[in-house]
Amino acid sequence: MNEQTLEKMSSMRLYGMQRSFRQVVDTSRLNELTADELVSQLVESEWDDRHNRAVDRSLKNARFRYKASIEMIDYSIDRGLDPNLINRLAECTYLDNHQSLIITGSTGTGKSFIASALGNQACLKGYKVLYANTTRLLSQLKLAKADGSSLQELAKIEKQDLLILDDFGIQPFDAAGRMILMDIIEDRHSKRSTIIAGQIPISEWYDIIGEGTLADAILDRIVHEAHMIELKGESLRRKKKLDL
């Protein structure tokens, strides 16, 4: 009877429930549990299993640059990083409020790592996240526009609870890139959250984006009401090499 039950659980893809029930049977605890306790344990195990698999899928689909977590962020080096702000962001209420975050700083100060850590935290809490190099993403969307699939690709981006645009502004935006960036920001404005990380100071974004009207429109939607992290100091990568 128990083996048949286990097989049915497997065929229905109730893997967490199956694993928990097998453990109860193998440890001869079946008669020790009341019906309510058994049901509660099975449901809890199935819920945990599905949640963990969903998180694994989210982490895989996000394609983070670094395997980073909030716990791995280093505060020992003075780079103007506020632990209280990071802890507040780790609660992910900014995602519920559709707020964004801008991380700036010179090369090697940890912008991508912090963005990846916050993205990882969002995945753990059940949000859908996409991490992308800005230049590469815009290039892909230009190609999609050429073959007529850009609307579909933009729709996928719009559905992400959190979009992380890394290495923002490394290359000046051309006309096509500006328009695509505007489409992305417009679709997400007041609906979804975006993290933008780059070494270019915000004061120079206007010139990097180019074309006054579009630059004004994009900056108005990105900068206002966004959380800010401005990292200071020398490159952590360079410092680690010198310390070796």
C-alpha atoms as a PDB file:
ATOM      1  CA  MET A   1       0.000   0.000   0.000  1.00  0.00           C
ATOM      2  CA  ASN A   2       2.728   2.466   0.977  1.00  0.00           C
ATOM      3  CA  GLU A   3       4.761   1.704  -2.162  1.00  0.00           C
ATOM      4  CA  GLN A   4       1.695   2.288  -4.325  1.00  0.00           C
ATOM      5  CA  THR A   5       1.122   5.618  -2.574  1.00  0.00           C
ATOM      6  CA  LEU A   6       4.742   6.610  -3.162  1.00  0.00           C
ATOM      7  CA  GLU A   7       4.493   5.696  -6.846  1.00  0.00           C
ATOM      8  CA  LYS A   8       1.328   7.784  -7.231  1.00  0.00           C
ATOM      9  CA  MET A   9       2.999  10.730  -5.542  1.00  0.00           C
ATOM     10  CA  SER A  10       5.877  10.419  -7.996  1.00  0.00           C
ATOM     11  CA  SER A  11       3.570  10.185 -11.003  1.00  0.00           C
ATOM     12  CA  MET A  12       1.814  13.361  -9.821  1.00  0.00           C
ATOM     13  CA  ARG A  13       5.222  15.034  -9.341  1.00  0.00           C
ATOM     14  CA  LEU A  14       4.655  15.486  -5.630  1.00  0.00           C
ATOM     15  CA  TYR A  15       8.351  14.976  -5.010  1.00  0.00           C
ATOM     16  CA  GLY A  16       8.590  16.786  -1.697  1.00  0.00           C
ATOM     17  CA  MET A  17       5.580  14.932  -0.364  1.00  0.00           C
ATOM     18  CA  GLN A  18       6.957  11.631  -1.646  1.00  0.00           C
ATOM     19  CA  ARG A  19      10.334  12.196   0.004  1.00  0.00           C
ATOM     20  CA  SER A  20       8.735  13.117   3.330  1.00  0.00           C
ATOM     21  CA  PHE A  21       6.331  10.148   3.260  1.00  0.00           C
ATOM     22  CA  ARG A  22       9.156   7.740   2.439  1.00  0.00           C
ATOM     23  CA  GLN A  23      11.143   9.088   5.367  1.00  0.00           C
ATOM     24  CA  VAL A  24       8.194   8.589   7.697  1.00  0.00           C
ATOM     25  CA  VAL A  25       7.701   5.019   6.463  1.00  0.00           C
ATOM     26  CA  ASP A  26      11.396   4.126   6.556  1.00  0.00           C
ATOM     27  CA  THR A  27      11.779   5.392  10.124  1.00  0.00           C
ATOM     28  CA  SER A  28       8.620   3.557  11.262  1.00  0.00           C
ATOM     29  CA  ARG A  29       7.022   6.794  12.442  1.00  0.00           C
ATOM     30  CA  LEU A  30       3.763   6.361  10.525  1.00  0.00           C
ATOM     31  CA  ASN A  31       1.854   5.158  13.585  1.00  0.00           C
ATOM     32  CA  GLU A  32       3.344   7.871  15.773  1.00  0.00           C
ATOM     33  CA  LEU A  33       1.768  10.719  13.841  1.00  0.00           C
ATOM     34  CA  THR A  34      -1.856  11.758  13.956  1.00  0.00           C
ATOM     35  CA  ALA A  35      -3.646  12.252  10.648  1.00  0.00           C
ATOM     36  CA  ASP A  36      -3.414  16.044  11.051  1.00  0.00           C
ATOM     37  CA  GLU A  37       0.311  15.888  11.815  1.00  0.00           C
ATOM     38  CA  LEU A  38       1.007  13.636   8.837  1.00  0.00           C
ATOM     39  CA  VAL A  39      -0.941  15.810   6.423  1.00  0.00           C
ATOM     40  CA  SER A  40       0.746  18.934   7.773  1.00  0.00           C
ATOM     41  CA  GLN A  41       4.209  17.418   7.378  1.00  0.00           C
ATOM     42  CA  LEU A  42       3.510  16.203   3.846  1.00  0.00           C
ATOM     43  CA  VAL A  43       2.076  19.529   2.699  1.00  0.00           C
ATOM     44  CA  GLU A  44       4.933  21.474   4.315  1.00  0.00           C
ATOM     45  CA  SER A  45       7.506  19.260   2.608  1.00  0.00           C
ATOM     46  CA  GLU A  46       5.820  19.659  -0.769  1.00  0.00           C
ATOM     47  CA  TRP A  47       5.601  23.428  -0.337  1.00  0.00           C
ATOM     48  CA  ASP A  48       9.305  23.644   0.591  1.00  0.00           C
ATOM     49  CA  ASP A  49      10.287  21.462  -2.361  1.00  0.00           C
ATOM     50  CA  ARG A  50       8.328  23.549  -4.871  1.00  0.00           C
ATOM     51  CA  HIS A  51       9.619  26.799  -3.387  1.00  0.00           C
ATOM     52  CA  ASN A  52      13.227  25.602  -3.575  1.00  0.00           C
ATOM     53  CA  ARG A  53      12.819  24.434  -7.160  1.00  0.00           C
ATOM     54  CA  ALA A  54      11.232  27.760  -8.103  1.00  0.00           C
ATOM     55  CA  VAL A  55      14.152  29.627  -6.522  1.00  0.00           C
ATOM     56  CA  ASP A  56      16.641  27.432  -8.398  1.00  0.00           C
ATOM     57  CA  ARG A  57      14.859  28.193 -11.674  1.00  0.00           C
ATOM     58  CA  SER A  58      14.804  31.914 -10.901  1.00  0.00           C
ATOM     59  CA  LEU A  59      18.515  31.963 -10.105  1.00  0.00           C
ATOM     60  CA  LYS A  60      19.302  30.077 -13.311  1.00  0.00           C
ATOM     61  CA  ASN A  61      17.086  32.316 -15.456  1.00  0.00           C
ATOM     62  CA  ALA A  62      18.479  35.506 -13.882  1.00  0.00           C
ATOM     63  CA  ARG A  63      21.991  34.751 -15.208  1.00  0.00           C
ATOM     64  CA  PHE A  64      23.840  36.703 -12.542  1.00  0.00           C
ATOM     65  CA  ARG A  65      27.409  37.786 -13.174  1.00  0.00           C
ATOM     66  CA  TYR A  66      28.500  36.705  -9.707  1.00  0.00           C
ATOM     67  CA  LYS A  67      27.341  34.075  -7.236  1.00  0.00           C
ATOM     68  CA  ALA A  68      26.751  36.700  -4.581  1.00  0.00           C
ATOM     69  CA  SER A  69      24.566  37.019  -1.515  1.00  0.00           C
ATOM     70  CA  ILE A  70      23.770  39.726   0.991  1.00  0.00           C
ATOM     71  CA  GLU A  71      25.825  37.871   3.611  1.00  0.00           C
ATOM     72  CA  MET A  72      28.902  37.995   1.343  1.00  0.00           C
ATOM     73  CA  ILE A  73      28.973  41.793   1.011  1.00  0.00           C
ATOM     74  CA  ASP A  74      32.169  43.164   2.565  1.00  0.00           C
ATOM     75  CA  TYR A  75      31.861  46.239   4.783  1.00  0.00           C
ATOM     76  CA  SER A  76      35.399  46.054   6.149  1.00  0.00           C
ATOM     77  CA  ILE A  77      36.764  48.347   3.436  1.00  0.00           C
ATOM     78  CA  ASP A  78      35.640  51.969   3.546  1.00  0.00           C
ATOM     79  CA  ARG A  79      33.862  52.589   0.252  1.00  0.00           C
ATOM     80  CA  GLY A  80      30.840  54.559   1.452  1.00  0.00           C
ATOM     81  CA  LEU A  81      28.572  51.528   1.622  1.00  0.00           C
ATOM     82  CA  ASP A  82      25.802  51.859   4.223  1.00  0.00           C
ATOM     83  CA  PRO A  83      24.941  48.486   5.842  1.00  0.00           C
ATOM     84  CA  ASN A  84      21.578  49.843   6.987  1.00  0.00           C
ATOM     85  CA  LEU A  85      20.589  50.706   3.426  1.00  0.00           C
ATOM     86  CA  ILE A  86      21.665  47.268   2.164  1.00  0.00           C
ATOM     87  CA  ASN A  87      19.665  45.572   4.923  1.00  0.00           C
ATOM     88  CA  ARG A  88      16.593  47.619   4.038  1.00  0.00           C
ATOM     89  CA  LEU A  89      16.989  46.765   0.367  1.00  0.00           C
ATOM     90  CA  ALA A  90      17.405  43.095   1.315  1.00  0.00           C
ATOM     91  CA  GLU A  91      13.854  43.162   2.673  1.00  0.00           C
ATOM     92  CA  CYS A  92      12.739  43.808  -0.947  1.00  0.00           C
ATOM     93  CA  THR A  93      10.046  46.323  -0.049  1.00  0.00           C
ATOM     94  CA  TYR A  94      11.463  48.543  -2.790  1.00  0.00           C
ATOM     95  CA  LEU A  95      10.291  45.888  -5.243  1.00  0.00           C
ATOM     96  CA  ASP A  96       6.782  45.955  -3.823  1.00  0.00           C
ATOM     97  CA  ASN A  97       6.841  49.750  -4.143  1.00  0.00           C
ATOM     98  CA  HIS A  98       8.232  49.576  -7.710  1.00  0.00           C
ATOM     99  CA  GLN A  99      11.258  51.673  -6.748  1.00  0.00           C
ATOM    100  CA  SER A 100      14.633  51.508  -8.425  1.00  0.00           C
ATOM    101  CA  LEU A 101      18.270  51.612  -7.368  1.00  0.00           C
ATOM    102  CA  ILE A 102      21.303  53.277  -8.933  1.00  0.00           C
ATOM    103  CA  ILE A 103      24.798  52.021  -8.040  1.00  0.00           C
ATOM    104  CA  THR A 104      27.776  54.070  -9.231  1.00  0.00           C
ATOM    105  CA  GLY A 105      31.482  53.928  -8.538  1.00  0.00           C
ATOM    106  CA  SER A 106      34.817  53.464 -10.214  1.00  0.00           C
ATOM    107  CA  THR A 107      36.001  50.182 -11.707  1.00  0.00           C
ATOM    108  CA  GLY A 108      36.368  47.341  -9.223  1.00  0.00           C
ATOM    109  CA  THR A 109      34.511  48.901  -6.296  1.00  0.00           C
ATOM    110  CA  GLY A 110      31.916  46.117  -6.218  1.00  0.00           C
ATOM    111  CA  LYS A 111      28.951  47.500  -8.146  1.00  0.00           C
ATOM    112  CA  SER A 112      28.195  44.272 -10.043  1.00  0.00           C
ATOM    113  CA  PHE A 113      28.669  42.143  -6.932  1.00  0.00           C
ATOM    114  CA  ILE A 114      26.232  44.227  -4.884  1.00  0.00           C
ATOM    115  CA  ALA A 115      23.705  44.242  -7.734  1.00  0.00           C
ATOM    116  CA  SER A 116      24.036  40.451  -8.032  1.00  0.00           C
ATOM    117  CA  ALA A 117      23.627  40.021  -4.267  1.00  0.00           C
ATOM    118  CA  LEU A 118      20.436  42.092  -4.244  1.00  0.00           C
ATOM    119  CA  GLY A 119      19.166  40.194  -7.272  1.00  0.00           C
ATOM    120  CA  ASN A 120      19.916  36.890  -5.564  1.00  0.00           C
ATOM    121  CA  GLN A 121      18.003  38.070  -2.493  1.00  0.00           C
ATOM    122  CA  ALA A 122      15.023  38.976  -4.682  1.00  0.00           C
ATOM    123  CA  CYS A 123      15.049  35.479  -6.198  1.00  0.00           C
ATOM    124  CA  LEU A 124      15.085  33.914  -2.736  1.00  0.00           C
ATOM    125  CA  LYS A 125      11.980  35.916  -1.893  1.00  0.00           C
ATOM    126  CA  GLY A 126      10.155  34.718  -5.004  1.00  0.00           C
ATOM    127  CA  TYR A 127      10.624  37.642  -7.393  1.00  0.00           C
ATOM    128  CA  LYS A 128      11.506  37.234 -11.070  1.00  0.00           C
ATOM    129  CA  VAL A 129      14.864  38.780 -11.903  1.00  0.00           C
ATOM    130  CA  LEU A 130      16.894  39.362 -15.066  1.00  0.00           C
ATOM    131  CA  TYR A 131      20.528  40.442 -14.954  1.00  0.00           C
ATOM    132  CA  ALA A 132      22.034  41.884 -18.147  1.00  0.00           C
ATOM    133  CA  ASN A 133      25.006  43.786 -19.463  1.00  0.00           C
ATOM    134  CA  THR A 134      23.412  46.963 -20.826  1.00  0.00           C
ATOM    135  CA  THR A 135      25.338  47.110 -24.109  1.00  0.00           C
ATOM    136  CA  ARG A 136      24.813  43.418 -24.827  1.00  0.00           C
ATOM    137  CA  LEU A 137      21.098  43.592 -24.027  1.00  0.00           C
ATOM    138  CA  LEU A 138      20.574  46.572 -26.316  1.00  0.00           C
ATOM    139  CA  SER A 139      22.478  44.816 -29.101  1.00  0.00           C
ATOM    140  CA  GLN A 140      20.274  41.756 -28.730  1.00  0.00           C
ATOM    141  CA  LEU A 141      17.145  43.904 -28.839  1.00  0.00           C
ATOM    142  CA  LYS A 142      18.392  45.681 -31.978  1.00  0.00           C
ATOM    143  CA  LEU A 143      18.724  42.302 -33.675  1.00  0.00           C
ATOM    144  CA  ALA A 144      15.277  41.339 -32.402  1.00  0.00           C
ATOM    145  CA  LYS A 145      13.866  44.521 -33.897  1.00  0.00           C
ATOM    146  CA  ALA A 146      15.393  43.596 -37.239  1.00  0.00           C
ATOM    147  CA  ASP A 147      13.703  40.185 -37.286  1.00  0.00           C
ATOM    148  CA  GLY A 148      10.403  41.464 -35.855  1.00  0.00           C
ATOM    149  CA  SER A 149      10.619  39.839 -32.416  1.00  0.00           C
ATOM    150  CA  SER A 150      11.459  42.967 -30.383  1.00  0.00           C
ATOM    151  CA  LEU A 151       7.955  43.413 -28.955  1.00  0.00           C
ATOM    152  CA  GLN A 152       8.023  39.859 -27.657  1.00  0.00           C
ATOM    153  CA  GLU A 153      11.462  40.359 -26.104  1.00  0.00           C
ATOM    154  CA  LEU A 154      10.466  43.665 -24.530  1.00  0.00           C
ATOM    155  CA  ALA A 155       7.364  41.995 -23.094  1.00  0.00           C
ATOM    156  CA  LYS A 156       9.565  39.379 -21.406  1.00  0.00           C
ATOM    157  CA  ILE A 157      11.701  42.120 -19.865  1.00  0.00           C
ATOM    158  CA  GLU A 158       8.634  44.026 -18.719  1.00  0.00           C
ATOM    159  CA  LYS A 159       7.387  40.975 -16.802  1.00  0.00           C
ATOM    160  CA  GLN A 160      10.535  40.795 -14.668  1.00  0.00           C
ATOM    161  CA  ASP A 161       9.966  42.099 -11.153  1.00  0.00           C
ATOM    162  CA  LEU A 162      13.572  43.291 -11.143  1.00  0.00           C
ATOM    163  CA  LEU A 163      15.763  44.172 -14.113  1.00  0.00           C
ATOM    164  CA  ILE A 164      19.471  44.701 -13.429  1.00  0.00           C
ATOM    165  CA  LEU A 165      21.272  46.767 -16.071  1.00  0.00           C
ATOM    166  CA  ASP A 166      24.993  46.421 -15.410  1.00  0.00           C
ATOM    167  CA  ASP A 167      27.902  48.363 -16.962  1.00  0.00           C
ATOM    168  CA  PHE A 168      25.493  51.159 -17.822  1.00  0.00           C
ATOM    169  CA  GLY A 169      26.968  53.901 -19.988  1.00  0.00           C
ATOM    170  CA  ILE A 170      30.284  52.241 -20.845  1.00  0.00           C
ATOM    171  CA  GLN A 171      29.483  53.038 -24.455  1.00  0.00           C
ATOM    172  CA  PRO A 172      27.507  56.118 -25.575  1.00  0.00           C
ATOM    173  CA  PHE A 173      24.002  55.282 -26.759  1.00  0.00           C
ATOM    174  CA  ASP A 174      23.248  55.511 -30.470  1.00  0.00           C
ATOM    175  CA  ALA A 175      19.811  56.500 -31.767  1.00  0.00           C
ATOM    176  CA  ALA A 176      18.480  52.921 -31.817  1.00  0.00           C
ATOM    177  CA  GLY A 177      19.884  52.214 -28.354  1.00  0.00           C
ATOM    178  CA  ARG A 178      18.290  55.356 -26.895  1.00  0.00           C
ATOM    179  CA  MET A 179      14.884  54.390 -28.254  1.00  0.00           C
ATOM    180  CA  ILE A 180      15.128  50.841 -26.932  1.00  0.00           C
ATOM    181  CA  LEU A 181      16.294  52.092 -23.528  1.00  0.00           C
ATOM    182  CA  MET A 182      13.359  54.493 -23.474  1.00  0.00           C
ATOM    183  CA  ASP A 183      10.975  51.635 -24.277  1.00  0.00           C
ATOM    184  CA  ILE A 184      12.394  49.531 -21.442  1.00  0.00           C
ATOM    185  CA  ILE A 185      12.287  52.337 -18.877  1.00  0.00           C
ATOM    186  CA  GLU A 186       8.831  53.491 -19.949  1.00  0.00           C
ATOM    187  CA  ASP A 187       7.408  49.968 -19.684  1.00  0.00           C
ATOM    188  CA  ARG A 188       8.811  49.573 -16.169  1.00  0.00           C
ATOM    189  CA  HIS A 189       8.210  53.061 -14.790  1.00  0.00           C
ATOM    190  CA  SER A 190       6.019  52.864 -11.641  1.00  0.00           C
ATOM    191  CA  LYS A 191       5.286  49.198 -12.452  1.00  0.00           C
ATOM    192  CA  ARG A 192       8.519  47.281 -11.872  1.00  0.00           C
ATOM    193  CA  SER A 193      11.925  47.888 -10.302  1.00  0.00           C
ATOM    194  CA  THR A 194      15.263  48.400 -12.022  1.00  0.00           C
ATOM    195  CA  ILE A 195      18.820  48.362 -10.687  1.00  0.00           C
ATOM    196  CA  ILE A 196      21.299  50.306 -12.799  1.00  0.00           C
ATOM    197  CA  ALA A 197      25.000  49.836 -12.089  1.00  0.00           C
ATOM    198  CA  GLY A 198      27.815  51.666 -13.822  1.00  0.00           C
ATOM    199  CA  GLN A 199      31.028  53.586 -13.340  1.00  0.00           C
ATOM    200  CA  ILE A 200      29.735  56.740 -15.046  1.00  0.00           C
ATOM    201  CA  PRO A 201      28.513  59.348 -12.510  1.00  0.00           C
ATOM    202  CA  ILE A 202      24.864  60.307 -12.826  1.00  0.00           C
ATOM    203  CA  SER A 203      25.945  63.861 -13.653  1.00  0.00           C
ATOM    204  CA  GLU A 204      27.361  62.545 -16.949  1.00  0.00           C
ATOM    205  CA  TRP A 205      24.395  60.370 -17.952  1.00  0.00           C
ATOM    206  CA  TYR A 206      22.762  63.165 -19.930  1.00  0.00           C
ATOM    207  CA  ASP A 207      25.721  63.351 -22.314  1.00  0.00           C
ATOM    208  CA  ILE A 208      26.132  59.556 -22.474  1.00  0.00           C
ATOM    209  CA  ILE A 209      22.489  59.013 -23.410  1.00  0.00           C
ATOM    210  CA  GLY A 210      22.549  61.918 -25.876  1.00  0.00           C
ATOM    211  CA  GLU A 211      19.644  63.677 -27.667  1.00  0.00           C
ATOM    212  CA  GLY A 212      18.228  66.125 -25.143  1.00  0.00           C
ATOM    213  CA  THR A 213      14.522  65.296 -25.246  1.00  0.00           C
ATOM    214  CA  LEU A 214      14.987  61.540 -24.867  1.00  0.00           C
ATOM    215  CA  ALA A 215      17.723  61.965 -22.285  1.00  0.00           C
ATOM    216  CA  ASP A 216      15.441  64.182 -20.192  1.00  0.00           C
ATOM    217  CA  ALA A 217      12.583  61.682 -20.451  1.00  0.00           C
ATOM    218  CA  ILE A 218      14.779  58.704 -19.547  1.00  0.00           C
ATOM    219  CA  LEU A 219      16.525  60.436 -16.645  1.00  0.00           C
ATOM    220  CA  ASP A 220      13.225  61.729 -15.284  1.00  0.00           C
ATOM    221  CA  ARG A 221      11.937  58.159 -15.043  1.00  0.00           C
ATOM    222  CA  ILE A 222      15.166  56.613 -13.775  1.00  0.00           C
ATOM    223  CA  VAL A 223      16.688  59.041 -11.308  1.00  0.00           C
ATOM    224  CA  HIS A 224      13.777  60.583  -9.416  1.00  0.00           C
ATOM    225  CA  GLU A 225      12.785  58.621  -6.295  1.00  0.00           C
ATOM    226  CA  ALA A 226      15.484  55.987  -6.917  1.00  0.00           C
ATOM    227  CA  HIS A 227      17.663  54.731  -4.070  1.00  0.00           C
ATOM    228  CA  MET A 228      21.315  55.683  -4.539  1.00  0.00           C
ATOM    229  CA  ILE A 229      24.570  53.909  -3.718  1.00  0.00           C
ATOM    230  CA  GLU A 230      27.751  55.782  -4.626  1.00  0.00           C
ATOM    231  CA  LEU A 231      30.781  53.592  -4.006  1.00  0.00           C
ATOM    232  CA  LYS A 232      34.125  55.260  -3.331  1.00  0.00           C
ATOM    233  CA  GLY A 233      37.735  54.207  -2.957  1.00  0.00           C
ATOM    234  CA  GLU A 234      40.144  52.145  -4.996  1.00  0.00           C
ATOM    235  CA  SER A 235      39.478  48.945  -6.910  1.00  0.00           C
ATOM    236  CA  LEU A 236      38.907  45.977  -4.600  1.00  0.00           C
ATOM    237  CA  ARG A 237      40.304  43.653  -7.275  1.00  0.00           C
ATOM    238  CA  ARG A 238      43.510  45.688  -7.473  1.00  0.00           C
ATOM    239  CA  LYS A 239      43.782  45.839  -3.676  1.00  0.00           C
ATOM    240  CA  LYS A 240      43.416  42.055  -3.362  1.00  0.00           C
ATOM    241  CA  LYS A 241      46.199  41.529  -5.901  1.00  0.00           C
ATOM    242  CA  LEU A 242      48.484  43.892  -3.989  1.00  0.00           C
ATOM    243  CA  ASP A 243      47.704  42.087  -0.725  1.00  0.00           C
ATOM    244  CA  LEU A 244      48.716  38.699  -2.138  1.00  0.00           C
END
